[in-house]
Amino acid sequence: MIQTENAKAQMRKGVLELCILSILSQGEAYPTEIIEKLKKQKLVVVEGTLYPLLTRLKNTDLLTYRWEESNSGPPRKYYFLTKIGKTYLSDLQSSWYDMVSSVNKTIQNSK
């Protein structure tokens, strides 16, 4: 039997950027909060995956961050969408819905 875990992992990886930007569109968040929200939706992500993606999104001006002091440890970096990031997310969501619709039609037609 063919293992589907790799295919599932690739699908999750492919939509991770959309999910992270969508979370940040609801308000600023620090990485641990982002991971917790993804886990609630069964999109398990580790810090080693999240931090490089956040850095890439910041470097492309889709998001930025601010530092906030913490009572329980070091300062926290809170990420939030830029104006460019909000526009990008809107375009990405539109593309996502179009793709999901096309995939659903293809899957339904194959039954």
C-alpha atoms as a PDB file:
ATOM      1  CA  MET A   1       0.000   0.000   0.000  1.00  0.00           C
ATOM      2  CA  ILE A   2       1.289   3.470  -0.904  1.00  0.00           C
ATOM      3  CA  GLN A   3       1.923   5.790   2.012  1.00  0.00           C
ATOM      4  CA  THR A   4      -0.081   9.025   1.786  1.00  0.00           C
ATOM      5  CA  GLU A   5       1.724  10.856   4.593  1.00  0.00           C
ATOM      6  CA  ASN A   6       4.208  12.543   2.252  1.00  0.00           C
ATOM      7  CA  ALA A   7       1.430  13.773  -0.043  1.00  0.00           C
ATOM      8  CA  LYS A   8      -0.515  15.079   2.965  1.00  0.00           C
ATOM      9  CA  ALA A   9       2.589  16.858   4.279  1.00  0.00           C
ATOM     10  CA  GLN A  10       3.179  18.498   0.902  1.00  0.00           C
ATOM     11  CA  MET A  11      -0.431  19.707   0.749  1.00  0.00           C
ATOM     12  CA  ARG A  12      -0.161  21.217   4.252  1.00  0.00           C
ATOM     13  CA  LYS A  13       3.135  22.870   3.362  1.00  0.00           C
ATOM     14  CA  GLY A  14       1.581  24.329   0.221  1.00  0.00           C
ATOM     15  CA  VAL A  15      -1.176  26.126   2.125  1.00  0.00           C
ATOM     16  CA  LEU A  16       0.850  27.148   5.162  1.00  0.00           C
ATOM     17  CA  GLU A  17       1.572  30.659   3.887  1.00  0.00           C
ATOM     18  CA  LEU A  18      -2.128  31.263   3.247  1.00  0.00           C
ATOM     19  CA  CYS A  19      -3.012  29.995   6.727  1.00  0.00           C
ATOM     20  CA  ILE A  20      -0.396  32.116   8.488  1.00  0.00           C
ATOM     21  CA  LEU A  21      -1.402  35.272   6.643  1.00  0.00           C
ATOM     22  CA  SER A  22      -5.063  34.521   7.390  1.00  0.00           C
ATOM     23  CA  ILE A  23      -4.297  34.154  11.100  1.00  0.00           C
ATOM     24  CA  LEU A  24      -2.433  37.462  11.092  1.00  0.00           C
ATOM     25  CA  SER A  25      -5.311  39.161   9.266  1.00  0.00           C
ATOM     26  CA  GLN A  26      -7.325  38.609  12.461  1.00  0.00           C
ATOM     27  CA  GLY A  27      -4.764  40.592  14.485  1.00  0.00           C
ATOM     28  CA  GLU A  28      -1.155  40.541  15.496  1.00  0.00           C
ATOM     29  CA  ALA A  29       0.293  37.380  17.000  1.00  0.00           C
ATOM     30  CA  TYR A  30       3.600  36.024  18.191  1.00  0.00           C
ATOM     31  CA  PRO A  31       4.926  32.722  16.798  1.00  0.00           C
ATOM     32  CA  THR A  32       3.736  30.518  19.658  1.00  0.00           C
ATOM     33  CA  GLU A  33       0.188  31.839  19.180  1.00  0.00           C
ATOM     34  CA  ILE A  34       0.379  31.162  15.450  1.00  0.00           C
ATOM     35  CA  ILE A  35       1.511  27.576  16.078  1.00  0.00           C
ATOM     36  CA  GLU A  36      -1.299  27.049  18.617  1.00  0.00           C
ATOM     37  CA  LYS A  37      -3.931  28.328  16.171  1.00  0.00           C
ATOM     38  CA  LEU A  38      -2.592  26.081  13.419  1.00  0.00           C
ATOM     39  CA  LYS A  39      -2.579  23.073  15.756  1.00  0.00           C
ATOM     40  CA  LYS A  40      -6.236  23.714  16.663  1.00  0.00           C
ATOM     41  CA  GLN A  41      -6.998  23.292  12.970  1.00  0.00           C
ATOM     42  CA  LYS A  42      -4.866  20.121  12.788  1.00  0.00           C
ATOM     43  CA  LEU A  43      -2.144  21.870  10.810  1.00  0.00           C
ATOM     44  CA  VAL A  44       0.806  20.849  12.940  1.00  0.00           C
ATOM     45  CA  VAL A  45       3.801  23.132  12.392  1.00  0.00           C
ATOM     46  CA  VAL A  46       7.079  23.298  14.285  1.00  0.00           C
ATOM     47  CA  GLU A  47       9.105  26.416  15.019  1.00  0.00           C
ATOM     48  CA  GLY A  48      11.792  25.277  12.576  1.00  0.00           C
ATOM     49  CA  THR A  49       9.235  25.566   9.783  1.00  0.00           C
ATOM     50  CA  LEU A  50       7.459  28.695  10.990  1.00  0.00           C
ATOM     51  CA  TYR A  51      10.380  31.049  11.664  1.00  0.00           C
ATOM     52  CA  PRO A  52      11.961  30.858   8.178  1.00  0.00           C
ATOM     53  CA  LEU A  53       8.533  31.430   6.622  1.00  0.00           C
ATOM     54  CA  LEU A  54       7.870  34.448   8.859  1.00  0.00           C
ATOM     55  CA  THR A  55      11.282  35.843   7.917  1.00  0.00           C
ATOM     56  CA  ARG A  56      10.597  35.361   4.195  1.00  0.00           C
ATOM     57  CA  LEU A  57       7.185  37.029   4.511  1.00  0.00           C
ATOM     58  CA  LYS A  58       8.772  39.935   6.396  1.00  0.00           C
ATOM     59  CA  ASN A  59      11.558  40.275   3.831  1.00  0.00           C
ATOM     60  CA  THR A  60       8.966  40.533   1.049  1.00  0.00           C
ATOM     61  CA  ASP A  61       7.118  43.277   2.980  1.00  0.00           C
ATOM     62  CA  LEU A  62       3.985  41.172   3.489  1.00  0.00           C
ATOM     63  CA  LEU A  63       4.270  41.461   7.239  1.00  0.00           C
ATOM     64  CA  THR A  64       6.213  43.304   9.881  1.00  0.00           C
ATOM     65  CA  TYR A  65       6.616  43.030  13.622  1.00  0.00           C
ATOM     66  CA  ARG A  66       6.956  44.900  16.872  1.00  0.00           C
ATOM     67  CA  TRP A  67       8.652  43.940  20.111  1.00  0.00           C
ATOM     68  CA  GLU A  68       6.755  43.776  23.393  1.00  0.00           C
ATOM     69  CA  GLU A  69       8.162  43.149  26.838  1.00  0.00           C
ATOM     70  CA  SER A  70       6.942  39.974  28.533  1.00  0.00           C
ATOM     71  CA  ASN A  71       6.339  39.356  32.231  1.00  0.00           C
ATOM     72  CA  SER A  72       7.293  35.715  31.836  1.00  0.00           C
ATOM     73  CA  GLY A  73      10.520  35.802  29.850  1.00  0.00           C
ATOM     74  CA  PRO A  74      12.264  37.616  27.017  1.00  0.00           C
ATOM     75  CA  PRO A  75      10.514  40.223  24.856  1.00  0.00           C
ATOM     76  CA  ARG A  76       8.079  38.843  22.293  1.00  0.00           C
ATOM     77  CA  LYS A  77       8.027  39.621  18.603  1.00  0.00           C
ATOM     78  CA  TYR A  78       4.442  40.250  17.457  1.00  0.00           C
ATOM     79  CA  TYR A  79       3.858  39.915  13.724  1.00  0.00           C
ATOM     80  CA  PHE A  80       1.138  41.688  11.737  1.00  0.00           C
ATOM     81  CA  LEU A  81       0.201  42.222   8.102  1.00  0.00           C
ATOM     82  CA  THR A  82       1.339  45.243   6.137  1.00  0.00           C
ATOM     83  CA  LYS A  83      -0.918  46.982   3.635  1.00  0.00           C
ATOM     84  CA  ILE A  84       0.831  45.024   0.884  1.00  0.00           C
ATOM     85  CA  GLY A  85       0.295  41.830   2.887  1.00  0.00           C
ATOM     86  CA  LYS A  86      -3.451  42.480   3.162  1.00  0.00           C
ATOM     87  CA  THR A  87      -3.737  42.940  -0.603  1.00  0.00           C
ATOM     88  CA  TYR A  88      -1.608  39.852  -1.225  1.00  0.00           C
ATOM     89  CA  LEU A  89      -3.751  37.793   1.149  1.00  0.00           C
ATOM     90  CA  SER A  90      -6.931  38.888  -0.602  1.00  0.00           C
ATOM     91  CA  ASP A  91      -5.486  37.796  -3.966  1.00  0.00           C
ATOM     92  CA  LEU A  92      -4.230  34.532  -2.474  1.00  0.00           C
ATOM     93  CA  GLN A  93      -7.631  33.762  -0.924  1.00  0.00           C
ATOM     94  CA  SER A  94      -9.364  34.371  -4.247  1.00  0.00           C
ATOM     95  CA  SER A  95      -6.934  32.028  -6.000  1.00  0.00           C
ATOM     96  CA  TRP A  96      -7.432  29.461  -3.242  1.00  0.00           C
ATOM     97  CA  TYR A  97     -11.217  29.437  -3.607  1.00  0.00           C
ATOM     98  CA  ASP A  98     -10.914  29.095  -7.404  1.00  0.00           C
ATOM     99  CA  MET A  99      -8.482  26.200  -7.023  1.00  0.00           C
ATOM    100  CA  VAL A 100     -10.606  24.418  -4.403  1.00  0.00           C
ATOM    101  CA  SER A 101     -13.636  24.722  -6.662  1.00  0.00           C
ATOM    102  CA  SER A 102     -11.713  23.272  -9.618  1.00  0.00           C
ATOM    103  CA  VAL A 103     -10.269  20.437  -7.550  1.00  0.00           C
ATOM    104  CA  ASN A 104     -13.682  19.595  -6.084  1.00  0.00           C
ATOM    105  CA  LYS A 105     -15.222  19.454  -9.572  1.00  0.00           C
ATOM    106  CA  THR A 106     -12.395  17.224 -10.778  1.00  0.00           C
ATOM    107  CA  ILE A 107     -12.724  14.889  -7.790  1.00  0.00           C
ATOM    108  CA  GLN A 108     -16.502  14.690  -8.113  1.00  0.00           C
ATOM    109  CA  ASN A 109     -16.249  13.940 -11.835  1.00  0.00           C
ATOM    110  CA  SER A 110     -13.849  11.056 -11.168  1.00  0.00           C
ATOM    111  CA  LYS A 111     -16.359   9.127  -9.035  1.00  0.00           C
END
